[in-house]
């Protein structure tokens, strides 16, 4: 597919942006597991959060793109919006039927529905809440209305009936979700005071350039099929909003016990991401061609996957020490901390849940699971890596969200 997306790569901060919105790679395992974890908290109403976060990022991004490129023609605006959605791996939308009063949008290509079927075997209720919010935000931007000017109903979903369509009814007259203001790129450091790292055989800069140059874009169905997963170039602010609002609602309802409930659920989503995305990358033909030839030790494997992470838009990661006994990871401008600071101000606890699960996942894949032997990424293998008492756990010893210069994790086995 050929796209003309105004994509910006900030190599200094290891961040990527389109229309001022930070965009990051995540796979369908993380997307669906995170959403289901949030939805399973039946004692709070999470649907308005999930939809509202989608509206937030779509509205802010498209409004900025239309202004920066001077696009006033409605059809040109729709074409750009459709291309952006497809390019990012979310599926395919035809927005031609949308008018200022709303309209009906249907598709047989929806990332969340397809992914839900692949991971969970279907759903009892519609699951495309991100798509619903994205349409609502896009409609407001298309017709120069404030965010929250449109509601969306999503009663038919491919995750419920795979042989039908996902259908979205967009209506003018106000939101049926929470309305949020995007914080854009968030709170970024002026510069990174990099740490010394152990000697290794990994070409960090070469891997960054190689992975960043891979053609990871949506195909004719808006699917990015790579490393054995369905990738999306998703919105950092979407992940942050749904995760942190979920945590906030639990704290409002249960006090600090609510945070204790949210923490393991959000970290487990990070484990799922590490297992499937990192595991998929380290067993892929791309890894074998670009990275594996230079790896001589298990420590090199840790450095190698961290070099890849630096191309995902998550911020700059460093491994400042690593052995089979333990490791230390230092993260500069990790997207969770940067987003939290911009959304809510300084936190009273670490909030880098994806990263916490991710760094533990790296160590478990390399040292417990011997990922170099290319094991099958089965549910049984996952349980061996994360459900046993003697596997690696991560502890946040510094947090940018709490005011530290960096986010830092110590990872070790008990």
Protein backbone atom coordinates (compact mmCIF):
# COMPACT_ATOMS: atom_id res chain seq x y z
CA UNK A 1 0.00 0.00 0.00
CA UNK A 2 1.14 3.55 -0.77
CA UNK A 3 0.40 6.21 1.84
CA UNK A 4 1.20 9.87 2.27
CA UNK A 5 1.10 10.17 6.05
CA UNK A 6 2.96 13.13 7.66
CA UNK A 7 4.90 10.90 10.03
CA UNK A 8 7.59 12.42 12.25
CA UNK A 9 10.35 10.45 14.03
CA UNK A 10 12.03 12.17 16.99
CA UNK A 11 15.22 10.12 17.26
CA UNK A 12 16.47 12.10 20.26
CA UNK A 13 13.50 11.02 22.37
CA UNK A 14 12.76 7.77 20.50
CA UNK A 15 9.22 9.00 19.91
CA UNK A 16 7.02 9.05 16.79
CA UNK A 17 4.16 11.42 16.01
CA UNK A 18 1.47 12.16 13.46
CA UNK A 19 -0.42 15.41 13.84
CA UNK A 20 1.09 16.00 17.27
CA UNK A 21 -0.13 12.65 18.63
CA UNK A 22 2.53 10.19 19.82
CA UNK A 23 2.05 6.85 18.07
CA UNK A 24 3.55 3.56 19.20
CA UNK A 25 3.61 -0.02 18.04
CA UNK A 26 1.62 -2.57 20.03
CA UNK A 27 0.17 -5.90 19.00
CA UNK A 28 -3.33 -7.36 19.06
CA UNK A 29 -2.57 -9.43 22.15
CA UNK A 30 -1.88 -6.32 24.22
CA UNK A 31 -4.73 -4.32 22.70
CA UNK A 32 -7.37 -6.94 23.43
CA UNK A 33 -6.01 -8.13 26.77
CA UNK A 34 -5.77 -4.57 28.12
CA UNK A 35 -9.30 -3.73 26.99
CA UNK A 36 -10.76 -6.93 28.39
CA UNK A 37 -8.98 -6.42 31.71
CA UNK A 38 -10.51 -2.96 31.98
CA UNK A 39 -13.97 -4.10 30.88
CA UNK A 40 -13.98 -7.00 33.34
CA UNK A 41 -14.20 -4.51 36.22
CA UNK A 42 -17.99 -4.62 36.12
CA UNK A 43 -18.35 -2.42 39.21
CA UNK A 44 -17.32 0.64 37.15
CA UNK A 45 -18.65 1.84 33.79
CA UNK A 46 -15.60 1.65 31.51
CA UNK A 47 -17.32 1.97 28.12
CA UNK A 48 -17.42 5.82 28.24
CA UNK A 49 -13.68 5.79 29.02
CA UNK A 50 -12.76 3.46 26.16
CA UNK A 51 -14.84 5.39 23.62
CA UNK A 52 -13.90 8.81 24.95
CA UNK A 53 -10.18 8.05 24.74
CA UNK A 54 -10.59 7.10 21.08
CA UNK A 55 -12.45 10.32 20.36
CA UNK A 56 -9.81 12.33 22.18
CA UNK A 57 -6.88 11.23 20.03
CA UNK A 58 -8.69 11.17 16.68
CA UNK A 59 -10.10 14.66 17.17
CA UNK A 60 -6.83 16.23 18.29
CA UNK A 61 -4.80 14.56 15.56
CA UNK A 62 -7.11 15.25 12.63
CA UNK A 63 -7.88 18.80 13.69
CA UNK A 64 -4.16 19.56 13.78
CA UNK A 65 -3.46 17.82 10.48
CA UNK A 66 -6.26 19.66 8.69
CA UNK A 67 -4.99 22.99 10.02
CA UNK A 68 -1.30 22.33 9.30
CA UNK A 69 -1.97 21.16 5.75
CA UNK A 70 -4.66 23.74 5.04
CA UNK A 71 -7.21 21.07 4.12
CA UNK A 72 -10.68 22.61 4.01
CA UNK A 73 -12.30 20.42 1.37
CA UNK A 74 -14.48 17.80 3.08
CA UNK A 75 -13.65 14.98 0.67
CA UNK A 76 -9.93 15.57 1.05
CA UNK A 77 -10.35 15.53 4.82
CA UNK A 78 -12.19 12.23 4.64
CA UNK A 79 -9.54 10.71 2.40
CA UNK A 80 -6.75 11.66 4.81
CA UNK A 81 -8.69 10.32 7.80
CA UNK A 82 -9.41 7.01 6.05
CA UNK A 83 -5.80 6.60 4.96
CA UNK A 84 -4.48 7.33 8.43
CA UNK A 85 -6.78 4.77 10.05
CA UNK A 86 -5.81 2.09 7.51
CA UNK A 87 -2.08 2.93 7.61
CA UNK A 88 -2.03 2.50 11.40
CA UNK A 89 -3.46 -1.03 11.19
CA UNK A 90 -6.92 -0.37 12.63
CA UNK A 91 -8.86 -1.67 9.65
CA UNK A 92 -10.76 0.14 6.90
CA UNK A 93 -13.45 2.83 7.11
CA UNK A 94 -15.46 4.40 4.29
CA UNK A 95 -16.44 7.84 5.56
CA UNK A 96 -18.22 8.95 2.39
CA UNK A 97 -21.65 8.57 4.01
CA UNK A 98 -20.88 10.85 6.95
CA UNK A 99 -22.56 14.26 6.93
CA UNK A 100 -22.70 17.05 9.47
CA UNK A 101 -25.72 15.37 11.04
CA UNK A 102 -23.95 12.01 11.28
CA UNK A 103 -24.39 8.80 9.34
CA UNK A 104 -23.90 5.06 9.25
CA UNK A 105 -20.43 3.53 8.85
CA UNK A 106 -19.93 -0.19 8.39
CA UNK A 107 -16.87 -2.35 7.80
CA UNK A 108 -15.74 -5.94 7.58
CA UNK A 109 -12.21 -4.91 8.51
CA UNK A 110 -11.87 -3.94 12.17
CA UNK A 111 -8.69 -4.60 14.16
CA UNK A 112 -10.35 -5.07 17.54
CA UNK A 113 -13.07 -7.41 16.24
CA UNK A 114 -10.61 -9.47 14.20
CA UNK A 115 -8.18 -9.60 17.12
CA UNK A 116 -10.88 -10.52 19.63
CA UNK A 117 -11.87 -13.46 17.47
CA UNK A 118 -8.24 -14.54 17.07
CA UNK A 119 -7.36 -14.28 20.76
CA UNK A 120 -10.59 -15.07 22.59
CA UNK A 121 -12.74 -16.85 20.02
CA UNK A 122 -15.34 -14.08 19.85
CA UNK A 123 -17.35 -11.92 22.24
CA UNK A 124 -20.87 -11.70 23.61
CA UNK A 125 -21.06 -7.92 23.12
CA UNK A 126 -19.53 -5.48 20.59
CA UNK A 127 -15.89 -4.71 21.35
CA UNK A 128 -14.88 -1.96 18.89
CA UNK A 129 -14.94 0.88 21.42
CA UNK A 130 -11.75 2.46 20.12
CA UNK A 131 -13.21 2.51 16.60
CA UNK A 132 -16.44 4.03 17.96
CA UNK A 133 -14.53 6.81 19.67
CA UNK A 134 -12.26 7.36 16.70
CA UNK A 135 -15.30 7.88 14.47
CA UNK A 136 -16.85 10.34 16.92
CA UNK A 137 -13.64 12.35 17.18
CA UNK A 138 -13.07 12.21 13.44
CA UNK A 139 -16.58 13.48 12.73
CA UNK A 140 -16.06 16.47 15.02
CA UNK A 141 -12.78 17.31 13.28
CA UNK A 142 -14.21 16.79 9.79
CA UNK A 143 -17.04 19.26 10.36
CA UNK A 144 -15.14 21.75 12.55
CA UNK A 145 -17.16 20.96 15.65
CA UNK A 146 -15.89 20.73 19.25
CA UNK A 147 -14.83 17.31 20.51
CA UNK A 148 -17.88 15.62 22.03
CA UNK A 149 -20.31 16.90 19.41
CA UNK A 150 -21.17 13.40 18.17
CA UNK A 151 -22.37 10.21 19.78
CA UNK A 152 -21.76 6.72 18.40
CA UNK A 153 -23.79 3.54 18.80
CA UNK A 154 -22.12 0.23 17.95
CA UNK A 155 -24.69 -2.57 18.15
CA UNK A 156 -23.35 -4.94 15.47
CA UNK A 157 -19.82 -6.32 15.70
CA UNK A 158 -17.79 -8.96 13.89
CA UNK A 159 -16.56 -10.23 17.24
CA UNK A 160 -20.15 -11.23 18.06
CA UNK A 161 -21.23 -12.40 14.59
CA UNK A 162 -18.15 -12.97 12.40
CA UNK A 163 -20.18 -13.40 9.22
CA UNK A 164 -21.72 -9.93 9.42
CA UNK A 165 -20.27 -6.40 9.75
CA UNK A 166 -19.22 -3.91 12.36
CA UNK A 167 -21.78 -1.13 12.21
CA UNK A 168 -21.50 2.33 13.77
CA UNK A 169 -24.29 4.91 13.94
CA UNK A 170 -22.83 8.42 14.28
CA UNK A 171 -25.25 11.11 15.48
CA UNK A 172 -24.86 14.83 16.06
CA UNK A 173 -26.08 16.28 19.33
CA UNK A 174 -23.55 15.44 22.03
CA UNK A 175 -21.36 12.69 23.40
CA UNK A 176 -22.36 9.37 24.97
CA UNK A 177 -18.84 9.00 26.41
CA UNK A 178 -16.39 10.97 28.55
CA UNK A 179 -14.81 13.90 26.72
CA UNK A 180 -11.06 14.36 27.25
CA UNK A 181 -8.53 16.90 26.01
CA UNK A 182 -5.41 15.45 24.43
CA UNK A 183 -2.02 16.35 25.93
CA UNK A 184 -0.18 15.74 22.66
CA UNK A 185 3.43 14.63 23.03
CA UNK A 186 3.27 14.98 26.80
CA UNK A 187 6.04 15.95 29.17
CA UNK A 188 9.40 15.35 27.43
CA UNK A 189 12.88 16.04 28.78
CA UNK A 190 15.01 18.68 27.06
CA UNK A 191 17.83 16.13 26.70
CA UNK A 192 18.76 12.66 27.94
CA UNK A 193 21.71 12.18 30.28
CA UNK A 194 22.52 8.71 29.02
CA UNK A 195 24.00 6.06 31.30
CA UNK A 196 26.94 3.81 30.62
CA UNK A 197 25.93 0.34 29.44
CA UNK A 198 27.89 -2.92 29.57
CA UNK A 199 30.00 -3.97 26.62
CA UNK A 200 27.96 -5.96 24.13
CA UNK A 201 27.88 -7.05 20.50
CA UNK A 202 24.72 -5.20 19.48
CA UNK A 203 24.64 -2.38 16.92
CA UNK A 204 22.02 -0.20 18.60
CA UNK A 205 22.05 2.56 16.00
CA UNK A 206 21.99 0.13 13.10
CA UNK A 207 19.04 -1.78 14.56
CA UNK A 208 17.16 1.46 15.23
CA UNK A 209 17.54 2.53 11.62
CA UNK A 210 16.74 -0.93 10.23
CA UNK A 211 13.60 -1.53 12.30
CA UNK A 212 12.35 2.03 11.86
CA UNK A 213 12.69 1.51 8.11
CA UNK A 214 10.61 -1.66 7.93
CA UNK A 215 7.39 -1.22 5.87
CA UNK A 216 5.06 -1.81 8.82
CA UNK A 217 1.85 -0.31 7.42
CA UNK A 218 -1.70 -1.51 6.94
CA UNK A 219 -2.51 -3.59 3.88
CA UNK A 220 -5.68 -3.31 1.78
CA UNK A 221 -7.65 -4.53 4.82
CA UNK A 222 -5.89 -2.21 7.24
CA UNK A 223 -3.94 -5.11 8.77
CA UNK A 224 -0.26 -5.06 9.75
CA UNK A 225 0.69 -8.73 9.91
CA UNK A 226 4.27 -8.94 11.21
CA UNK A 227 6.33 -10.96 13.73
CA UNK A 228 3.48 -13.45 14.10
CA UNK A 229 1.06 -10.80 15.45
CA UNK A 230 -1.31 -8.13 14.19
CA UNK A 231 0.47 -4.85 14.87
CA UNK A 232 -1.04 -1.42 15.25
CA UNK A 233 0.69 1.94 15.27
CA UNK A 234 -1.61 2.99 18.08
CA UNK A 235 -1.98 6.16 20.13
CA UNK A 236 0.11 6.48 23.30
CA UNK A 237 -2.49 8.84 24.73
CA UNK A 238 -5.22 6.26 24.17
CA UNK A 239 -3.38 3.60 26.16
CA UNK A 240 -2.53 6.12 28.86
CA UNK A 241 -6.03 7.49 29.15
CA UNK A 242 -7.80 4.15 29.43
CA UNK A 243 -5.21 2.74 31.85
CA UNK A 244 -5.02 5.74 34.15
CA UNK A 245 -8.75 6.51 34.12
CA UNK A 246 -9.36 2.86 34.98
CA UNK A 247 -6.99 3.16 37.90
CA UNK A 248 -8.50 6.50 38.98
CA UNK A 249 -12.03 5.10 38.97
CA UNK A 250 -10.96 2.13 41.08
CA UNK A 251 -9.26 4.46 43.57
CA UNK A 252 -12.35 6.65 43.75
CA UNK A 253 -14.47 3.61 44.53
CA UNK A 254 -12.14 1.58 46.77
CA UNK A 255 -9.43 3.97 47.92
CA UNK A 256 -5.85 2.73 47.78
CA UNK A 257 -7.16 -0.85 47.55
CA UNK A 258 -8.38 0.13 44.08
CA UNK A 259 -4.83 0.88 42.98
CA UNK A 260 -3.71 -2.47 44.35
CA UNK A 261 -6.35 -4.11 42.15
CA UNK A 262 -5.42 -2.13 39.02
CA UNK A 263 -1.65 -2.58 39.29
CA UNK A 264 -1.37 -6.35 38.67
CA UNK A 265 -3.96 -6.24 35.89
CA UNK A 266 -2.10 -3.52 34.00
CA UNK A 267 1.28 -5.18 34.56
CA UNK A 268 -0.14 -8.50 33.35
CA UNK A 269 -1.09 -6.76 30.12
CA UNK A 270 2.58 -5.79 29.87
CA UNK A 271 3.56 -9.44 30.34
CA UNK A 272 1.19 -10.40 27.54
CA UNK A 273 2.74 -7.74 25.31
CA UNK A 274 6.30 -8.83 26.05
CA UNK A 275 5.53 -12.50 25.53
CA UNK A 276 3.79 -12.08 22.20
CA UNK A 277 5.47 -9.01 20.70
CA UNK A 278 9.02 -9.48 22.00
CA UNK A 279 8.73 -13.25 21.69
CA UNK A 280 7.39 -12.91 18.16
CA UNK A 281 10.17 -10.52 17.19
CA UNK A 282 12.94 -12.73 18.62
CA UNK A 283 11.67 -15.79 16.74
CA UNK A 284 11.04 -13.96 13.45
CA UNK A 285 12.87 -14.12 10.14
CA UNK A 286 13.54 -10.37 10.45
CA UNK A 287 15.36 -10.95 13.75
CA UNK A 288 17.34 -13.80 12.22
CA UNK A 289 18.42 -11.60 9.33
CA UNK A 290 19.04 -8.25 11.04
CA UNK A 291 20.03 -8.97 14.62
CA UNK A 292 20.78 -12.59 15.48
CA UNK A 293 24.06 -12.85 13.51
CA UNK A 294 25.82 -10.50 15.94
CA UNK A 295 24.49 -12.08 19.16
CA UNK A 296 27.02 -14.15 21.09
CA UNK A 297 25.62 -14.26 24.65
CA UNK A 298 22.25 -14.21 26.36
CA UNK A 299 23.10 -10.71 27.51
CA UNK A 300 23.38 -9.76 23.84
CA UNK A 301 19.83 -11.04 23.35
CA UNK A 302 18.64 -8.64 26.05
CA UNK A 303 20.49 -5.76 24.41
CA UNK A 304 19.15 -6.78 21.02
CA UNK A 305 15.48 -6.64 21.96
CA UNK A 306 16.01 -3.36 23.83
CA UNK A 307 17.52 -1.94 20.65
CA UNK A 308 14.32 -2.95 18.85
CA UNK A 309 12.15 -1.36 21.56
CA UNK A 310 13.86 1.95 20.83
CA UNK A 311 12.24 1.88 17.38
CA UNK A 312 8.69 1.32 18.70
CA UNK A 313 8.06 4.90 19.86
CA UNK A 314 7.97 3.96 23.55
CA UNK A 315 10.82 6.30 24.60
CA UNK A 316 14.53 5.58 25.00
CA UNK A 317 15.41 2.36 26.86
CA UNK A 318 18.83 1.39 28.19
CA UNK A 319 20.10 -1.76 29.92
CA UNK A 320 22.65 -0.47 32.41
CA UNK A 321 23.48 -3.88 33.86
CA UNK A 322 22.44 -7.41 32.97
CA UNK A 323 23.26 -10.94 34.00
CA UNK A 324 21.32 -14.10 34.71
CA UNK A 325 21.06 -12.95 38.31
CA UNK A 326 19.46 -9.55 37.70
CA UNK A 327 19.24 -6.56 35.40
CA UNK A 328 18.64 -2.82 35.55
CA UNK A 329 16.68 -0.95 32.92
CA UNK A 330 16.66 2.85 32.63
CA UNK A 331 13.87 4.48 30.60
CA UNK A 332 13.97 8.08 29.39
CA UNK A 333 10.63 9.71 28.58
CA UNK A 334 8.70 6.44 28.68
CA UNK A 335 5.31 7.17 27.19
CA UNK A 336 3.37 6.18 30.30
CA UNK A 337 5.17 8.55 32.68
CA UNK A 338 5.31 11.40 30.15
CA UNK A 339 1.61 11.05 29.46
CA UNK A 340 0.63 10.79 33.12
CA UNK A 341 2.50 13.98 34.04
CA UNK A 342 0.78 15.91 31.26
CA UNK A 343 -2.67 14.47 32.02
CA UNK A 344 -2.71 14.51 35.83
CA UNK A 345 0.47 16.07 37.19
CA UNK A 346 2.95 14.35 39.49
CA UNK A 347 1.97 10.89 40.68
CA UNK A 348 2.30 9.46 44.19
CA UNK A 349 3.32 6.06 42.76
CA UNK A 350 5.03 4.59 39.66
CA UNK A 351 2.68 4.32 36.68
CA UNK A 352 4.78 2.60 33.99
CA UNK A 353 2.78 -0.61 34.03
CA UNK A 354 3.43 -1.71 30.45
CA UNK A 355 7.15 -1.12 30.94
CA UNK A 356 7.16 -3.00 34.24
CA UNK A 357 5.65 -6.04 32.57
CA UNK A 358 7.87 -5.56 29.54
CA UNK A 359 11.25 -5.56 31.29
CA UNK A 360 10.31 -8.63 33.34
CA UNK A 361 9.16 -10.25 30.12
CA UNK A 362 12.51 -9.65 28.43
CA UNK A 363 14.40 -11.40 31.21
CA UNK A 364 11.96 -14.30 31.40
CA UNK A 365 12.04 -14.85 27.65
CA UNK A 366 15.83 -14.85 27.49
CA UNK A 367 16.86 -16.63 30.68
CA UNK A 368 13.85 -18.73 31.71
CA UNK A 369 12.36 -19.54 28.32
CA UNK A 370 15.56 -19.68 26.25
CA UNK A 371 13.89 -17.78 23.43
CA UNK A 372 17.01 -18.38 21.33
CA UNK A 373 15.82 -21.97 20.85
CA UNK A 374 12.62 -20.68 19.21
CA UNK A 375 10.01 -22.31 21.46
CA UNK A 376 6.36 -22.11 20.43
CA UNK A 377 4.61 -19.16 22.07
CA UNK A 378 1.83 -21.25 23.61
CA UNK A 379 -0.37 -20.55 26.65
CA UNK A 380 1.54 -23.26 28.52
CA UNK A 381 4.84 -21.56 27.75
CA UNK A 382 3.37 -18.25 28.94
CA UNK A 383 2.39 -19.81 32.26
CA UNK A 384 5.90 -21.19 32.67
CA UNK A 385 7.40 -17.72 32.14
CA UNK A 386 5.04 -15.64 34.27
CA UNK A 387 2.97 -17.84 36.58
CA UNK A 388 5.72 -19.67 38.47
CA UNK A 389 7.15 -18.45 41.81
CA UNK A 390 10.79 -18.40 40.65
CA UNK A 391 10.49 -16.18 37.55
CA UNK A 392 11.81 -12.65 37.15
CA UNK A 393 9.85 -9.78 38.65
CA UNK A 394 10.38 -6.07 38.06
CA UNK A 395 10.50 -3.39 40.74
CA UNK A 396 10.32 0.32 39.94
CA UNK A 397 13.09 2.09 41.84
CA UNK A 398 12.62 5.45 40.08
CA UNK A 399 9.66 6.97 38.25
CA UNK A 400 9.56 10.00 36.01
CA UNK A 401 5.87 10.31 36.85
CA UNK A 402 6.86 10.83 40.50
CA UNK A 403 9.39 13.54 39.64
CA UNK A 404 12.55 11.52 38.99
CA UNK A 405 14.68 12.24 35.92
CA UNK A 406 14.11 8.72 34.59
CA UNK A 407 12.03 5.61 35.16
CA UNK A 408 14.19 2.77 36.40
CA UNK A 409 13.52 -0.91 37.06
CA UNK A 410 15.43 -3.60 38.90
CA UNK A 411 14.56 -7.07 37.59
CA UNK A 412 15.52 -10.24 39.42
CA UNK A 413 14.39 -13.68 40.47
CA UNK A 414 13.44 -14.41 44.09
